[in-house]
Protein backbone atom coordinates (compact mmCIF):
# COMPACT_ATOMS: atom_id res chain seq x y z
CA MET A 1 3.49 -14.26 -15.22
CA ASP A 2 2.90 -10.75 -16.66
CA PHE A 3 3.35 -7.61 -14.68
CA ALA A 4 2.14 -3.95 -15.27
CA ALA A 5 4.17 -0.70 -15.36
CA ALA A 6 3.86 2.74 -16.38
CA ALA A 7 5.44 4.34 -19.67
CA PRO A 8 9.17 4.61 -19.65
CA THR A 9 10.39 7.91 -17.90
CA PRO A 10 13.54 9.86 -18.25
CA SER A 11 14.98 7.77 -15.58
CA ARG A 12 14.33 4.52 -17.34
CA THR A 13 15.68 4.27 -21.11
CA TRP A 14 15.69 1.46 -23.41
CA PRO A 15 19.05 -0.23 -24.47
CA SER A 16 19.92 1.73 -27.42
CA GLY A 17 22.54 -0.73 -29.02
CA ALA A 18 23.46 0.66 -32.42
CA SER A 19 22.95 4.19 -31.65
CA GLY A 20 26.36 4.09 -29.53
CA ARG A 21 24.58 5.50 -26.31
CA ALA A 22 25.14 3.61 -22.93
CA PRO A 23 22.76 0.83 -22.54
CA TRP A 24 20.05 1.04 -19.65
CA VAL A 25 21.49 0.31 -16.30
CA PRO A 26 19.07 -0.80 -13.70
CA PRO A 27 18.98 0.63 -10.28
CA GLU A 28 20.24 -1.04 -7.06
CA LEU A 29 17.39 -2.08 -4.78
CA ARG A 30 17.68 -2.80 -1.40
CA LEU A 31 14.51 -1.84 0.62
CA VAL A 32 10.64 -2.91 -0.48
CA CYS A 33 7.90 -0.83 1.64
CA LEU A 34 4.66 -2.32 2.03
CA ASP A 35 1.11 -0.49 2.83
CA ILE A 36 -0.87 -2.84 5.10
CA ASP A 37 -4.52 -2.35 4.70
CA ASP A 38 -5.90 -3.86 1.48
CA THR A 39 -2.38 -4.37 0.27
CA LEU A 40 -1.65 -7.39 2.75
CA ILE A 41 -4.72 -7.41 4.77
CA ASP A 42 -8.22 -7.59 3.23
CA CYS A 43 -9.31 -4.59 5.11
CA THR A 44 -12.53 -3.76 3.13
CA ALA A 45 -13.79 -7.14 3.27
CA ALA A 46 -13.19 -7.49 7.15
CA ILE A 47 -14.95 -3.94 7.57
CA ARG A 48 -17.97 -5.09 5.35
CA ARG A 49 -18.54 -8.32 7.51
CA THR A 50 -18.15 -6.39 10.73
CA LEU A 51 -20.58 -3.38 9.72
CA GLN A 52 -23.12 -6.26 8.85
CA ALA A 53 -22.61 -8.11 11.73
CA LEU A 54 -23.21 -4.95 14.14
CA THR A 55 -26.31 -3.47 12.12
CA GLY A 56 -27.67 -6.59 10.14
CA ARG A 57 -27.40 -4.42 6.99
CA GLY A 58 -25.05 -5.20 4.04
CA ASP A 59 -24.98 -1.78 2.15
CA LEU A 60 -23.06 0.50 4.78
CA TRP A 61 -19.72 0.22 3.55
CA PRO A 62 -19.83 3.16 0.92
CA LEU A 63 -20.96 5.50 3.96
CA TRP A 64 -18.33 4.14 6.38
CA ASP A 65 -15.50 4.60 3.80
CA LEU A 66 -16.79 8.31 3.16
CA ILE A 67 -16.73 9.17 6.79
CA THR A 68 -13.61 7.47 7.43
CA GLU A 69 -11.70 9.20 4.51
CA GLU A 70 -13.14 12.51 5.81
CA HIS A 71 -11.97 11.98 9.52
CA VAL A 72 -8.61 10.64 8.57
CA ALA A 73 -8.21 13.81 6.42
CA LEU A 74 -8.23 15.52 9.87
CA VAL A 75 -6.00 13.31 11.24
CA VAL A 76 -3.39 13.89 8.59
CA ALA A 77 -3.86 17.76 8.84
CA GLY A 78 -3.05 17.39 12.47
CA LYS A 79 -6.61 18.55 13.71
CA LEU A 80 -7.56 15.32 15.31
CA ASP A 81 -5.65 12.51 16.98
CA TYR A 82 -6.56 8.89 16.19
CA ASP A 83 -8.27 7.96 19.55
CA VAL A 84 -10.51 10.81 19.15
CA MET A 85 -10.99 10.30 15.52
CA HIS A 86 -12.41 6.72 16.13
CA HIS A 87 -14.77 8.02 18.60
CA ARG A 88 -16.04 10.80 16.07
CA ARG A 89 -16.16 8.60 13.13
CA THR A 90 -18.36 6.09 15.10
CA GLU A 91 -20.54 8.97 16.41
CA CYS A 92 -21.08 10.43 12.78
CA PHE A 93 -21.68 7.03 11.31
CA LEU A 94 -24.38 6.27 13.83
CA ALA A 95 -25.96 9.80 13.26
CA GLU A 96 -25.97 9.20 9.40
CA LEU A 97 -28.15 5.95 10.40
CA GLY A 98 -30.44 8.11 12.47
CA ILE A 99 -29.16 7.01 15.84
CA ALA A 100 -28.72 9.55 18.44
CA ALA A 101 -26.11 7.94 20.68
CA ASP A 102 -24.56 9.68 23.73
CA ALA A 103 -21.04 9.12 24.46
CA THR A 104 -21.39 5.88 26.39
CA GLN A 105 -23.20 4.41 23.54
CA VAL A 106 -20.89 5.39 20.94
CA ALA A 107 -18.01 4.12 22.98
CA ALA A 108 -19.98 0.80 23.44
CA PHE A 109 -20.70 0.48 19.72
CA GLU A 110 -16.89 1.29 18.81
CA ALA A 111 -15.75 -1.52 21.24
CA ARG A 112 -18.03 -4.09 19.76
CA ARG A 113 -16.66 -2.83 16.19
CA ARG A 114 -13.41 -3.28 17.18
CA GLU A 115 -13.72 -6.69 18.91
CA THR A 116 -15.73 -8.04 15.76
CA LEU A 117 -13.15 -6.55 13.60
CA ALA A 118 -10.38 -8.21 15.34
CA ARG A 119 -12.02 -11.64 14.45
CA SER A 120 -12.47 -10.52 10.75
CA TRP A 121 -8.77 -9.84 9.62
CA ARG A 122 -7.59 -11.70 6.79
CA LEU A 123 -4.43 -12.00 4.67
CA PHE A 124 -4.80 -11.96 0.86
CA ASP A 125 -3.69 -15.26 -0.52
CA ASP A 126 -0.59 -13.85 -2.30
CA VAL A 127 0.90 -12.00 0.76
CA LEU A 128 2.83 -14.84 2.42
CA PRO A 129 4.68 -16.14 -0.86
CA CYS A 130 5.58 -12.62 -1.54
CA LEU A 131 6.97 -11.90 1.57
CA GLU A 132 8.92 -15.05 1.75
CA TRP A 133 10.44 -14.22 -1.61
CA LEU A 134 11.54 -10.86 -0.62
CA ARG A 135 13.29 -12.14 2.25
CA ALA A 136 15.00 -14.81 0.39
CA ALA A 137 15.92 -12.54 -2.34
CA GLY A 138 18.15 -10.67 0.73
CA LEU A 139 15.84 -7.50 0.45
CA ARG A 140 14.90 -5.48 3.65
CA VAL A 141 11.35 -5.16 4.05
CA ALA A 142 9.31 -2.43 5.77
CA ALA A 143 5.67 -1.81 6.53
CA VAL A 144 4.42 1.82 6.01
CA THR A 145 0.98 2.38 7.06
CA ASN A 146 -1.38 5.63 7.91
CA ALA A 147 -3.34 3.67 10.53
CA SER A 148 -2.76 4.21 14.40
CA GLY A 149 -0.36 2.46 16.21
CA ALA A 150 -1.66 -0.01 18.86
CA HIS A 151 -4.39 -0.95 16.38
CA GLN A 152 -1.83 -1.53 13.51
CA ARG A 153 0.86 -3.31 15.41
CA ARG A 154 -1.93 -5.75 16.63
CA LYS A 155 -3.00 -6.78 13.39
CA ILE A 156 0.65 -7.23 12.16
CA ALA A 157 1.45 -9.52 15.00
CA GLU A 158 -1.87 -11.69 15.38
CA LEU A 159 -1.66 -12.16 11.50
CA GLY A 160 1.91 -13.24 11.68
CA LEU A 161 3.53 -10.73 9.71
CA SER A 162 5.86 -9.42 12.40
CA PRO A 163 8.86 -11.50 11.42
CA PHE A 164 8.93 -10.48 7.73
CA PHE A 165 9.39 -6.57 8.66
CA ASP A 166 12.67 -5.08 9.76
CA HIS A 167 10.80 -1.71 10.47
CA VAL A 168 7.23 -0.76 10.72
CA ALA A 169 6.50 3.09 10.11
CA ILE A 170 2.90 4.17 11.24
CA ALA A 171 1.73 7.59 10.63
CA GLY A 172 0.05 7.95 14.33
CA GLU A 173 3.49 7.38 15.90
CA ILE A 174 5.50 9.33 13.42
CA GLY A 175 2.92 12.48 13.35
CA VAL A 176 3.05 12.31 9.26
CA ALA A 177 1.32 10.33 6.98
CA LYS A 178 1.46 9.17 3.36
CA PRO A 179 1.76 10.86 0.79
CA ASP A 180 4.12 13.34 2.68
CA PRO A 181 7.58 12.57 1.55
CA VAL A 182 8.83 12.80 5.08
CA MET A 183 6.63 9.74 5.54
CA PHE A 184 8.67 7.56 3.18
CA ARG A 185 11.98 9.04 3.65
CA SER A 186 11.83 8.33 7.38
CA VAL A 187 11.79 4.68 6.52
CA CYS A 188 14.70 4.72 4.27
CA LEU A 189 16.65 6.61 6.97
CA ALA A 190 15.65 4.21 9.65
CA LEU A 191 17.11 1.40 7.58
CA GLU A 192 20.10 3.37 6.14
CA CYS A 193 18.73 2.87 2.44
CA ALA A 194 18.67 5.86 0.04
CA PRO A 195 15.19 6.69 -1.52
CA GLU A 196 16.42 5.55 -5.00
CA GLN A 197 17.12 2.10 -3.46
CA THR A 198 13.91 1.57 -2.23
CA VAL A 199 10.42 0.56 -3.52
CA HIS A 200 6.97 1.12 -2.15
CA VAL A 201 4.21 -0.93 -2.88
CA GLY A 202 0.57 0.18 -2.10
CA ASP A 203 -3.18 -0.15 -3.06
CA LYS A 204 -3.88 3.87 -3.28
CA LEU A 205 -2.61 5.26 -6.37
CA ASP A 206 -2.55 8.85 -4.97
CA THR A 207 -1.17 8.02 -1.21
CA ASP A 208 0.91 5.26 -1.94
CA ALA A 209 2.28 5.16 -5.41
CA ILE A 210 2.47 8.77 -6.41
CA GLY A 211 3.27 9.67 -3.21
CA ALA A 212 6.37 7.40 -2.96
CA ARG A 213 7.38 8.40 -6.59
CA ASP A 214 7.21 12.32 -5.37
CA ALA A 215 9.37 11.06 -2.69
CA GLY A 216 12.12 9.80 -4.87
CA LEU A 217 11.38 6.03 -4.25
CA GLY A 218 10.15 3.68 -6.68
CA ALA A 219 6.52 3.52 -6.57
CA VAL A 220 4.08 0.31 -7.57
CA TRP A 221 0.29 0.42 -7.40
CA LEU A 222 -1.46 -2.60 -6.28
CA ASP A 223 -4.39 -2.25 -8.45
CA ARG A 224 -6.28 -5.63 -7.22
CA ASP A 225 -9.57 -4.64 -8.58
CA GLY A 226 -8.26 -3.63 -12.09
CA THR A 227 -9.18 -0.23 -12.00
CA GLY A 228 -6.55 0.95 -14.09
CA LEU A 229 -7.79 -0.92 -16.85
CA VAL A 230 -11.12 0.48 -17.22
CA GLY A 231 -10.36 3.97 -15.52
CA GLU A 232 -7.57 5.97 -14.27
CA ARG A 233 -4.16 4.80 -15.38
CA ALA A 234 -1.06 5.17 -13.57
CA PRO A 235 0.92 8.24 -14.48
CA ASP A 236 4.74 8.05 -15.73
CA GLY A 237 6.96 6.91 -12.85
CA VAL A 238 4.49 4.44 -11.32
CA TYR A 239 4.30 0.63 -12.08
CA THR A 240 1.15 -1.24 -11.95
CA VAL A 241 0.94 -4.95 -10.74
CA PHE A 242 -2.79 -6.50 -10.09
CA GLY A 243 -1.42 -8.97 -7.42
CA LEU A 244 1.76 -9.46 -5.18
CA GLY A 245 2.38 -12.54 -7.07
CA GLU A 246 3.54 -10.22 -10.00
CA LEU A 247 5.91 -8.32 -7.84
CA PRO A 248 9.01 -10.60 -8.01
CA GLU A 249 8.97 -10.57 -11.69
CA LEU A 250 8.68 -6.69 -12.08
CA LEU A 251 11.52 -6.30 -9.35
CA VAL A 252 13.97 -8.80 -10.95
CA SER A 253 13.30 -6.98 -14.27
CA GLU A 254 13.64 -3.72 -13.24
CA TYR A 255 16.10 -3.45 -10.40
CA ALA A 256 19.85 -4.68 -10.14
CA THR A 257 20.95 -6.88 -7.31
CA VAL A 258 17.70 -8.67 -7.42
CA GLY A 259 18.14 -11.97 -9.67
CA VAL A 260 19.43 -11.04 -13.20
CA PRO A 261 18.56 -7.77 -14.75
CA VAL A 262 17.02 -8.36 -18.21
CA GLN A 263 18.21 -6.55 -21.23
CA ARG A 264 15.07 -5.53 -22.84
CA ALA A 265 14.15 -3.63 -25.97
CA ALA A 266 10.68 -2.42 -27.72
CA GLY A 267 9.31 -5.69 -29.35
CA THR A 268 10.92 -8.36 -27.36
CA PRO A 269 8.62 -10.74 -25.31
CA ALA A 270 9.40 -8.93 -22.04
CA ALA A 271 8.28 -5.48 -23.43
CA ARG A 272 4.92 -7.20 -24.80
CA VAL A 273 1.95 -4.75 -24.25
CA ARG A 274 -1.51 -5.81 -23.07
CA GLY A 275 -3.87 -2.98 -23.13
CA GLY A 276 -1.06 -0.61 -22.20
CA VAL A 277 0.25 -2.80 -19.29
CA PHE A 278 3.70 -4.47 -19.56
């Protein structure tokens, strides 16, 4: 099983052996934080199915995603709360389709959307094995999401994820959102783990991985669609995996207290390179 990683950073050095310098010593790991949507739950596929069921069209996901990003940015900036955002997003979406809906019609569409979406959630196949491994390894586990509270907690509960989490951090409840360092550090504080003892895993390179790195956490980009192989690569200080099935090997190799740390050196099997990915 291969895993992906960024190039070595000043905080991660190769064992030097004959040079006389101290060998690389892996940091301790106590806490793993996981994003929810499109990391654990196949959110994009669920929304695609929902939009098609409501409109009869299968080409509307890019429009919905663009409108969602614009409105979530207003929430993150503190200019809009989540409940208002949901209504305005739907209103804007319908307007883009040429539908002039009043407030009652917008609310009715939004209610149907939520009801249909709730029946469409699915976990990725690699989620439960990964969560079971993390718990068996004695690690604490937290969910860290930018979604709204009641909506996200319901998804977590209905999909059977609640027993795996020691803590759930939701932007709509905390008042800050990823990539704000406060979001990540609030989880470390809640579970009494230092940032350097914590790893965050998420599907968004900027919001999840780079945000976590800049907050002092270990950072893992979950690149399920292989974007990093053909487009933007993860920067220094960010690891890349292409599925959660690769996460255990990465953690065992890079962190103390999880399995036996591997003494690696350039040219060894554990350091083989596949297109710049370890």
